[in-house]
């Protein structure tokens, strides 16, 4: 049984849009709920890990649906990787545009407020643990530089593509399924 050609671009655009909309929704919930501000620096690590897991699950579901719908349940590693990577690229482009709009028009002071909140939480944490003042001063210096919009966009694009590439490799390895010989 030979694999049929698939509408890679159309499916990638569709699923990429879905992935971006899910991510935007989650970002709005995090922003509106003040979750990052309330969790502080360690919370941002938790949010990043949860984002990675959610992205993995979403891309796994999309790849499995693509395999079953377009390839009758069978797909090569290469085809699966191309699909998931294309979904990641489409989603990342949309998310970079959203990030620009968010930081430029919706909440231009968000990053400054977030950094101030994280600085305060970090200070409280370090003081409660008896960290020496010199170490606290050194840590507080790192919060003085607020990332520019260009740096934020570059970071969003890089993390989307690199993280997406890693997830794409893992998902493709899981969803690949060879056609069994029918002798």
Protein backbone atom coordinates (compact mmCIF):
# COMPACT_ATOMS: atom_id res chain seq x y z
CA UNK A 1 0.00 0.00 0.00
CA UNK A 2 1.52 3.28 -1.11
CA UNK A 3 1.12 6.48 0.86
CA UNK A 4 -0.95 9.07 -0.95
CA UNK A 5 0.30 12.61 -1.30
CA UNK A 6 -1.14 14.98 1.25
CA UNK A 7 -2.13 18.60 1.37
CA UNK A 8 0.80 19.43 3.66
CA UNK A 9 0.54 23.19 3.28
CA UNK A 10 -3.21 23.42 3.84
CA UNK A 11 -3.15 21.11 6.86
CA UNK A 12 -0.10 22.87 8.31
CA UNK A 13 -1.75 26.27 7.96
CA UNK A 14 -4.98 25.04 9.52
CA UNK A 15 -3.37 23.24 12.46
CA UNK A 16 -0.80 26.04 12.87
CA UNK A 17 -3.65 28.53 13.23
CA UNK A 18 -5.36 26.27 15.79
CA UNK A 19 -2.12 25.90 17.78
CA UNK A 20 -1.57 29.67 17.74
CA UNK A 21 -5.13 30.37 18.87
CA UNK A 22 -4.78 27.92 21.77
CA UNK A 23 -1.48 29.55 22.78
CA UNK A 24 -2.95 33.05 22.53
CA UNK A 25 -5.90 31.98 24.67
CA UNK A 26 -3.55 30.58 27.33
CA UNK A 27 -1.40 33.73 27.21
CA UNK A 28 -4.49 35.91 27.72
CA UNK A 29 -5.57 33.76 30.69
CA UNK A 30 -2.07 34.04 32.22
CA UNK A 31 -2.01 37.82 31.64
CA UNK A 32 -5.59 38.53 32.77
CA UNK A 33 -5.21 36.30 35.83
CA UNK A 34 -1.91 37.89 36.83
CA UNK A 35 -0.48 34.40 37.09
CA UNK A 36 3.12 35.29 36.22
CA UNK A 37 3.13 38.19 38.67
CA UNK A 38 1.77 36.05 41.49
CA UNK A 39 4.14 33.14 40.88
CA UNK A 40 7.37 35.08 40.52
CA UNK A 41 10.60 33.81 38.99
CA UNK A 42 10.12 30.15 39.87
CA UNK A 43 6.57 30.37 38.58
CA UNK A 44 7.86 31.44 35.19
CA UNK A 45 9.81 28.18 35.02
CA UNK A 46 6.66 26.24 35.88
CA UNK A 47 4.69 28.14 33.22
CA UNK A 48 7.45 27.44 30.66
CA UNK A 49 7.42 23.70 31.46
CA UNK A 50 3.63 23.56 31.32
CA UNK A 51 3.71 25.41 27.99
CA UNK A 52 6.16 22.84 26.63
CA UNK A 53 3.97 19.94 27.79
CA UNK A 54 0.79 21.54 26.41
CA UNK A 55 2.54 22.22 23.08
CA UNK A 56 3.70 18.61 22.95
CA UNK A 57 0.21 17.24 23.62
CA UNK A 58 -1.41 19.58 21.08
CA UNK A 59 1.14 18.78 18.37
CA UNK A 60 0.87 15.06 19.11
CA UNK A 61 -2.92 15.17 18.71
CA UNK A 62 -2.63 17.22 15.50
CA UNK A 63 -0.01 14.86 14.03
CA UNK A 64 -2.06 11.79 14.89
CA UNK A 65 -5.16 13.36 13.31
CA UNK A 66 -3.14 14.29 10.22
CA UNK A 67 -1.73 10.76 9.95
CA UNK A 68 -5.15 9.14 10.30
CA UNK A 69 -7.00 11.58 8.05
CA UNK A 70 -4.48 12.13 5.27
CA UNK A 71 -2.50 8.88 5.28
CA UNK A 72 -5.10 6.31 6.33
CA UNK A 73 -3.32 5.68 9.63
CA UNK A 74 0.21 5.37 8.25
CA UNK A 75 2.92 8.02 8.00
CA UNK A 76 6.69 8.08 7.68
CA UNK A 77 8.91 9.83 10.18
CA UNK A 78 9.87 12.38 7.50
CA UNK A 79 6.28 13.25 6.60
CA UNK A 80 5.30 13.51 10.27
CA UNK A 81 8.31 15.70 11.03
CA UNK A 82 7.62 18.00 8.06
CA UNK A 83 4.01 18.40 9.13
CA UNK A 84 4.71 19.12 12.81
CA UNK A 85 7.58 21.49 11.95
CA UNK A 86 5.38 23.39 9.47
CA UNK A 87 2.63 23.67 12.10
CA UNK A 88 5.24 25.00 14.52
CA UNK A 89 6.51 27.58 12.02
CA UNK A 90 3.00 28.81 11.18
CA UNK A 91 2.07 28.98 14.86
CA UNK A 92 5.30 30.78 15.75
CA UNK A 93 4.80 33.44 13.06
CA UNK A 94 1.26 34.11 14.32
CA UNK A 95 2.46 34.20 17.94
CA UNK A 96 5.26 36.65 17.12
CA UNK A 97 2.68 38.95 15.50
CA UNK A 98 0.42 38.57 18.54
CA UNK A 99 3.35 39.27 20.88
CA UNK A 100 4.15 42.48 19.00
CA UNK A 101 0.52 43.63 19.18
CA UNK A 102 0.25 42.67 22.86
CA UNK A 103 3.43 44.47 23.97
CA UNK A 104 2.92 47.48 21.69
CA UNK A 105 -0.80 48.19 22.06
CA UNK A 106 -2.63 45.98 24.56
CA UNK A 107 -0.26 46.07 27.54
CA UNK A 108 2.84 48.13 26.73
CA UNK A 109 3.84 48.26 30.41
CA UNK A 110 3.35 44.53 31.04
CA UNK A 111 7.03 43.58 30.81
CA UNK A 112 8.08 46.39 33.15
CA UNK A 113 5.39 45.44 35.69
CA UNK A 114 6.26 41.75 35.40
CA UNK A 115 9.96 42.41 35.97
CA UNK A 116 9.19 44.59 39.02
CA UNK A 117 6.94 41.88 40.45
CA UNK A 118 9.53 39.16 39.85
CA UNK A 119 12.23 41.35 41.36
CA UNK A 120 10.17 41.84 44.52
CA UNK A 121 9.32 38.13 44.83
CA UNK A 122 12.96 37.16 44.26
CA UNK A 123 14.12 39.69 46.86
CA UNK A 124 11.64 38.36 49.42
CA UNK A 125 12.67 34.78 48.68
CA UNK A 126 16.39 35.52 48.96
CA UNK A 127 15.98 37.51 52.18
CA UNK A 128 13.87 34.77 53.75
CA UNK A 129 16.65 32.27 52.98
CA UNK A 130 19.36 34.46 54.51
CA UNK A 131 21.22 35.04 51.24
CA UNK A 132 24.12 37.51 51.69
CA UNK A 133 23.44 41.13 50.67
CA UNK A 134 26.15 41.05 47.99
CA UNK A 135 24.43 38.11 46.25
CA UNK A 136 21.05 39.81 46.56
CA UNK A 137 22.45 43.02 45.03
CA UNK A 138 23.94 41.03 42.17
CA UNK A 139 20.61 39.28 41.50
CA UNK A 140 18.68 42.57 41.64
CA UNK A 141 20.99 44.09 39.00
CA UNK A 142 19.71 41.54 36.49
CA UNK A 143 16.18 42.91 36.83
CA UNK A 144 17.17 46.46 35.88
CA UNK A 145 17.28 45.73 32.16
CA UNK A 146 13.75 45.51 30.76
CA UNK A 147 13.78 43.50 27.52
CA UNK A 148 13.02 45.58 24.43
CA UNK A 149 10.19 44.62 22.10
CA UNK A 150 12.78 43.49 19.53
CA UNK A 151 14.47 41.22 22.09
CA UNK A 152 11.09 39.86 23.20
CA UNK A 153 10.09 39.08 19.59
CA UNK A 154 13.45 37.48 18.80
CA UNK A 155 13.18 35.35 21.94
CA UNK A 156 9.60 34.31 21.05
CA UNK A 157 10.66 33.32 17.52
CA UNK A 158 13.75 31.42 18.64
CA UNK A 159 12.03 29.56 21.45
CA UNK A 160 9.12 28.71 19.15
CA UNK A 161 11.34 27.31 16.41
CA UNK A 162 13.89 25.56 18.64
CA UNK A 163 11.30 24.17 21.07
CA UNK A 164 9.05 23.28 18.14
CA UNK A 165 11.92 21.50 16.41
CA UNK A 166 12.59 19.38 19.48
CA UNK A 167 8.90 18.59 19.89
CA UNK A 168 8.63 17.84 16.15
CA UNK A 169 11.37 15.22 16.36
CA UNK A 170 9.77 13.53 19.36
CA UNK A 171 6.22 13.64 17.98
CA UNK A 172 7.32 12.37 14.55
CA UNK A 173 9.10 9.43 16.19
CA UNK A 174 5.95 8.57 18.15
CA UNK A 175 3.30 8.94 15.42
CA UNK A 176 5.23 7.33 12.56
CA UNK A 177 3.60 4.13 11.50
CA UNK A 178 4.76 1.95 8.62
CA UNK A 179 2.39 0.18 6.29
CA UNK A 180 2.54 -3.53 7.04
CA UNK A 181 3.21 -5.84 4.15
CA UNK A 182 -0.02 -7.62 3.25
CA UNK A 183 1.32 -11.02 2.19
